[in-house]
Amino acid sequence: MTPSTSFHSGELAVQKRAGETEVARRNGRALSNRIPNAALPFLSQQPMVVVGSVSRDSSVWASVLMGCPGFLQSEDGCSLYVDISEPRSATD
């Protein structure tokens, strides 16, 4: 990421190729390292979350985690607690 943007060079290249540079610039202003207080109740009502991870061989993965509403919580707006003690599947 550059100091003037929330996006790294690969993201910027894809945005430019898609012709969405200005939209991404506008939307990028909403990116933050905090969960807005107004979003916390919404977050706790969700039955799923998509998470990203990087494997040891640097492969990037996106995974869907599902649970009963309330399985996602944030007490401080900086961290997210994901209760996977009772996972659900897409057919539940």
N, C-alpha and C. Protein backbone atom coordinates (compact mmCIF):
# COMPACT_ATOMS: atom_id res chain seq x y z
N MET A 1 0.83 -1.19 0.00
CA MET A 1 0.00 0.00 0.00
C MET A 1 0.87 1.24 0.00
N THR A 2 0.41 2.23 -0.67
CA THR A 2 1.13 3.49 -0.67
C THR A 2 0.53 4.38 0.40
N PRO A 3 1.26 5.37 0.87
CA PRO A 3 0.73 6.26 1.91
C PRO A 3 -0.55 6.98 1.51
N SER A 4 -0.76 7.19 0.20
CA SER A 4 -1.92 7.96 -0.25
C SER A 4 -3.14 7.10 -0.59
N THR A 5 -3.04 5.79 -0.42
CA THR A 5 -4.16 4.94 -0.78
C THR A 5 -4.29 3.77 0.19
N SER A 6 -5.48 3.20 0.25
CA SER A 6 -5.74 2.02 1.08
C SER A 6 -5.48 0.73 0.31
N PHE A 7 -5.07 0.85 -0.94
CA PHE A 7 -4.92 -0.31 -1.81
C PHE A 7 -3.46 -0.54 -2.18
N HIS A 8 -3.08 -1.81 -2.31
CA HIS A 8 -1.72 -2.11 -2.75
C HIS A 8 -1.65 -2.06 -4.28
N SER A 9 -0.46 -2.15 -4.81
CA SER A 9 -0.25 -1.94 -6.25
C SER A 9 -1.04 -2.92 -7.11
N GLY A 10 -1.19 -4.17 -6.68
CA GLY A 10 -1.97 -5.14 -7.44
C GLY A 10 -3.44 -4.76 -7.50
N GLU A 11 -3.98 -4.30 -6.39
CA GLU A 11 -5.38 -3.85 -6.38
C GLU A 11 -5.57 -2.64 -7.28
N LEU A 12 -4.63 -1.71 -7.22
CA LEU A 12 -4.71 -0.52 -8.07
C LEU A 12 -4.69 -0.89 -9.55
N ALA A 13 -3.86 -1.87 -9.92
CA ALA A 13 -3.77 -2.31 -11.32
C ALA A 13 -5.10 -2.92 -11.79
N VAL A 14 -5.72 -3.73 -10.94
CA VAL A 14 -7.00 -4.35 -11.30
C VAL A 14 -8.09 -3.29 -11.41
N GLN A 15 -8.09 -2.34 -10.50
CA GLN A 15 -9.08 -1.26 -10.55
C GLN A 15 -8.94 -0.47 -11.85
N LYS A 16 -7.71 -0.18 -12.24
CA LYS A 16 -7.47 0.57 -13.47
C LYS A 16 -7.92 -0.23 -14.68
N ARG A 17 -7.60 -1.51 -14.70
CA ARG A 17 -7.98 -2.36 -15.83
C ARG A 17 -9.50 -2.47 -15.97
N ALA A 18 -10.20 -2.47 -14.82
CA ALA A 18 -11.67 -2.57 -14.84
C ALA A 18 -12.34 -1.22 -15.06
N GLY A 19 -11.55 -0.16 -15.09
CA GLY A 19 -12.11 1.17 -15.27
C GLY A 19 -12.84 1.68 -14.04
N GLU A 20 -12.42 1.21 -12.87
CA GLU A 20 -13.10 1.54 -11.62
C GLU A 20 -12.21 2.32 -10.65
N THR A 21 -11.21 3.00 -11.16
CA THR A 21 -10.27 3.71 -10.30
C THR A 21 -10.96 4.74 -9.42
N GLU A 22 -11.82 5.54 -10.01
CA GLU A 22 -12.49 6.60 -9.23
C GLU A 22 -13.44 6.03 -8.19
N VAL A 23 -14.19 5.00 -8.56
CA VAL A 23 -15.11 4.36 -7.60
C VAL A 23 -14.31 3.77 -6.44
N ALA A 24 -13.22 3.10 -6.75
CA ALA A 24 -12.38 2.50 -5.71
C ALA A 24 -11.78 3.58 -4.81
N ARG A 25 -11.38 4.69 -5.39
CA ARG A 25 -10.82 5.79 -4.59
C ARG A 25 -11.87 6.31 -3.61
N ARG A 26 -13.09 6.50 -4.10
CA ARG A 26 -14.19 6.96 -3.22
C ARG A 26 -14.48 5.94 -2.13
N ASN A 27 -14.62 4.67 -2.51
CA ASN A 27 -14.93 3.62 -1.55
C ASN A 27 -13.78 3.37 -0.58
N GLY A 28 -12.57 3.60 -1.03
CA GLY A 28 -11.40 3.40 -0.18
C GLY A 28 -11.37 4.31 1.04
N ARG A 29 -12.07 5.43 0.95
CA ARG A 29 -12.12 6.34 2.11
C ARG A 29 -12.84 5.71 3.30
N ALA A 30 -13.67 4.71 3.03
CA ALA A 30 -14.43 4.05 4.09
C ALA A 30 -13.63 2.94 4.77
N LEU A 31 -12.48 2.55 4.20
CA LEU A 31 -11.68 1.49 4.79
C LEU A 31 -11.00 1.98 6.05
N SER A 32 -10.98 1.12 7.05
CA SER A 32 -10.41 1.50 8.34
C SER A 32 -9.91 0.26 9.05
N ASN A 33 -9.10 0.45 10.06
CA ASN A 33 -8.66 -0.67 10.89
C ASN A 33 -9.59 -0.86 12.09
N ARG A 34 -10.72 -0.17 12.08
CA ARG A 34 -11.71 -0.28 13.16
C ARG A 34 -13.08 -0.63 12.57
N ILE A 35 -13.87 -1.32 13.35
CA ILE A 35 -15.26 -1.59 12.99
C ILE A 35 -16.08 -0.43 13.54
N PRO A 36 -16.81 0.29 12.70
CA PRO A 36 -17.60 1.42 13.20
C PRO A 36 -18.62 0.96 14.25
N ASN A 37 -18.79 1.76 15.29
CA ASN A 37 -19.73 1.41 16.35
C ASN A 37 -21.12 1.11 15.81
N ALA A 38 -21.54 1.84 14.79
CA ALA A 38 -22.87 1.63 14.22
C ALA A 38 -22.98 0.26 13.54
N ALA A 39 -21.87 -0.35 13.16
CA ALA A 39 -21.90 -1.64 12.48
C ALA A 39 -21.88 -2.83 13.45
N LEU A 40 -21.56 -2.60 14.71
CA LEU A 40 -21.44 -3.71 15.66
C LEU A 40 -22.74 -4.49 15.84
N PRO A 41 -23.90 -3.85 16.01
CA PRO A 41 -25.13 -4.64 16.11
C PRO A 41 -25.42 -5.44 14.83
N PHE A 42 -25.17 -4.83 13.68
CA PHE A 42 -25.36 -5.52 12.39
C PHE A 42 -24.45 -6.75 12.32
N LEU A 43 -23.20 -6.59 12.70
CA LEU A 43 -22.23 -7.67 12.68
C LEU A 43 -22.71 -8.85 13.52
N SER A 44 -23.22 -8.59 14.69
CA SER A 44 -23.62 -9.67 15.59
C SER A 44 -24.87 -10.41 15.10
N GLN A 45 -25.58 -9.86 14.13
CA GLN A 45 -26.77 -10.51 13.58
C GLN A 45 -26.47 -11.41 12.38
N GLN A 46 -25.23 -11.39 11.90
CA GLN A 46 -24.90 -12.10 10.66
C GLN A 46 -24.70 -13.60 10.90
N PRO A 47 -25.19 -14.43 9.95
CA PRO A 47 -25.00 -15.87 10.06
C PRO A 47 -23.74 -16.38 9.35
N MET A 48 -22.99 -15.48 8.72
CA MET A 48 -21.78 -15.90 8.01
C MET A 48 -20.78 -14.75 7.91
N VAL A 49 -19.53 -15.13 7.68
CA VAL A 49 -18.47 -14.15 7.44
C VAL A 49 -17.49 -14.78 6.44
N VAL A 50 -16.92 -13.97 5.58
CA VAL A 50 -15.89 -14.43 4.65
C VAL A 50 -14.56 -13.94 5.19
N VAL A 51 -13.63 -14.86 5.35
CA VAL A 51 -12.31 -14.51 5.89
C VAL A 51 -11.24 -14.85 4.85
N GLY A 52 -10.16 -14.11 4.88
CA GLY A 52 -9.04 -14.36 3.99
C GLY A 52 -7.84 -14.84 4.78
N SER A 53 -7.04 -15.68 4.17
CA SER A 53 -5.84 -16.18 4.82
C SER A 53 -4.78 -16.47 3.76
N VAL A 54 -3.55 -16.62 4.22
CA VAL A 54 -2.44 -16.94 3.34
C VAL A 54 -1.78 -18.20 3.89
N SER A 55 -1.61 -19.20 3.02
CA SER A 55 -1.00 -20.46 3.45
C SER A 55 0.51 -20.35 3.52
N ARG A 56 1.15 -21.39 4.02
CA ARG A 56 2.61 -21.39 4.14
C ARG A 56 3.31 -21.21 2.79
N ASP A 57 2.64 -21.69 1.71
CA ASP A 57 3.26 -21.55 0.39
C ASP A 57 2.82 -20.26 -0.31
N SER A 58 2.24 -19.33 0.46
CA SER A 58 1.81 -18.00 -0.01
C SER A 58 0.56 -18.03 -0.89
N SER A 59 -0.16 -19.14 -0.90
CA SER A 59 -1.44 -19.17 -1.61
C SER A 59 -2.45 -18.38 -0.78
N VAL A 60 -3.30 -17.62 -1.47
CA VAL A 60 -4.32 -16.83 -0.79
C VAL A 60 -5.63 -17.59 -0.85
N TRP A 61 -6.31 -17.66 0.29
CA TRP A 61 -7.55 -18.40 0.40
C TRP A 61 -8.66 -17.51 0.93
N ALA A 62 -9.87 -17.72 0.44
CA ALA A 62 -11.06 -17.09 1.00
C ALA A 62 -11.93 -18.23 1.52
N SER A 63 -12.42 -18.10 2.74
CA SER A 63 -13.24 -19.14 3.35
C SER A 63 -14.50 -18.51 3.92
N VAL A 64 -15.60 -19.26 3.84
CA VAL A 64 -16.86 -18.81 4.42
C VAL A 64 -17.06 -19.57 5.73
N LEU A 65 -17.26 -18.82 6.80
CA LEU A 65 -17.57 -19.41 8.10
C LEU A 65 -19.01 -19.09 8.42
N MET A 66 -19.75 -20.10 8.86
CA MET A 66 -21.16 -19.90 9.17
C MET A 66 -21.45 -20.30 10.61
N GLY A 67 -22.40 -19.62 11.20
CA GLY A 67 -22.82 -19.91 12.56
C GLY A 67 -24.16 -19.26 12.83
N CYS A 68 -24.66 -19.48 14.01
CA CYS A 68 -25.92 -18.83 14.39
C CYS A 68 -25.65 -17.35 14.63
N PRO A 69 -26.63 -16.49 14.32
CA PRO A 69 -26.43 -15.07 14.63
C PRO A 69 -25.92 -14.91 16.07
N GLY A 70 -24.90 -14.09 16.20
CA GLY A 70 -24.24 -13.92 17.49
C GLY A 70 -22.88 -14.59 17.54
N PHE A 71 -22.54 -15.40 16.51
CA PHE A 71 -21.24 -16.07 16.53
C PHE A 71 -20.10 -15.11 16.20
N LEU A 72 -20.44 -13.91 15.72
CA LEU A 72 -19.45 -12.85 15.48
C LEU A 72 -19.67 -11.76 16.51
N GLN A 73 -18.61 -11.38 17.19
CA GLN A 73 -18.70 -10.33 18.20
C GLN A 73 -17.43 -9.48 18.18
N SER A 74 -17.59 -8.22 18.53
CA SER A 74 -16.44 -7.34 18.71
C SER A 74 -16.72 -6.46 19.92
N GLU A 75 -15.89 -6.58 20.93
CA GLU A 75 -16.08 -5.77 22.13
C GLU A 75 -15.38 -4.43 22.04
N ASP A 76 -14.31 -4.37 21.23
CA ASP A 76 -13.52 -3.15 21.19
C ASP A 76 -13.52 -2.44 19.83
N GLY A 77 -14.16 -3.02 18.84
CA GLY A 77 -14.18 -2.41 17.51
C GLY A 77 -12.89 -2.59 16.74
N CYS A 78 -11.91 -3.26 17.34
CA CYS A 78 -10.63 -3.50 16.67
C CYS A 78 -10.41 -4.97 16.35
N SER A 79 -10.98 -5.84 17.16
CA SER A 79 -10.80 -7.27 16.95
C SER A 79 -12.17 -7.92 16.78
N LEU A 80 -12.16 -9.07 16.13
CA LEU A 80 -13.39 -9.78 15.87
C LEU A 80 -13.27 -11.16 16.50
N TYR A 81 -14.23 -11.51 17.34
CA TYR A 81 -14.29 -12.83 17.95
C TYR A 81 -15.24 -13.67 17.12
N VAL A 82 -14.77 -14.82 16.64
CA VAL A 82 -15.57 -15.73 15.84
C VAL A 82 -15.71 -17.03 16.62
N ASP A 83 -16.91 -17.31 17.09
CA ASP A 83 -17.19 -18.52 17.87
C ASP A 83 -17.49 -19.66 16.91
N ILE A 84 -16.54 -20.58 16.75
CA ILE A 84 -16.75 -21.70 15.84
C ILE A 84 -17.01 -22.98 16.61
N SER A 85 -17.46 -22.86 17.85
CA SER A 85 -17.72 -24.05 18.66
C SER A 85 -18.90 -24.85 18.14
N GLU A 86 -19.83 -24.21 17.44
CA GLU A 86 -20.95 -24.91 16.83
C GLU A 86 -21.12 -24.45 15.38
N PRO A 87 -20.21 -24.92 14.52
CA PRO A 87 -20.26 -24.47 13.11
C PRO A 87 -21.51 -24.97 12.41
N ARG A 88 -21.91 -24.24 11.38
CA ARG A 88 -23.06 -24.60 10.56
C ARG A 88 -22.59 -24.81 9.14
N SER A 89 -23.35 -25.56 8.39
CA SER A 89 -23.06 -25.73 6.97
C SER A 89 -24.09 -24.95 6.17
N ALA A 90 -23.87 -24.82 4.90
CA ALA A 90 -24.78 -24.06 4.03
C ALA A 90 -26.15 -24.72 3.96
N THR A 91 -26.26 -25.99 4.31
CA THR A 91 -27.54 -26.69 4.24
C THR A 91 -28.30 -26.67 5.55
N ASP A 92 -27.71 -26.13 6.61
CA ASP A 92 -28.40 -26.04 7.92
C ASP A 92 -29.51 -25.04 7.90
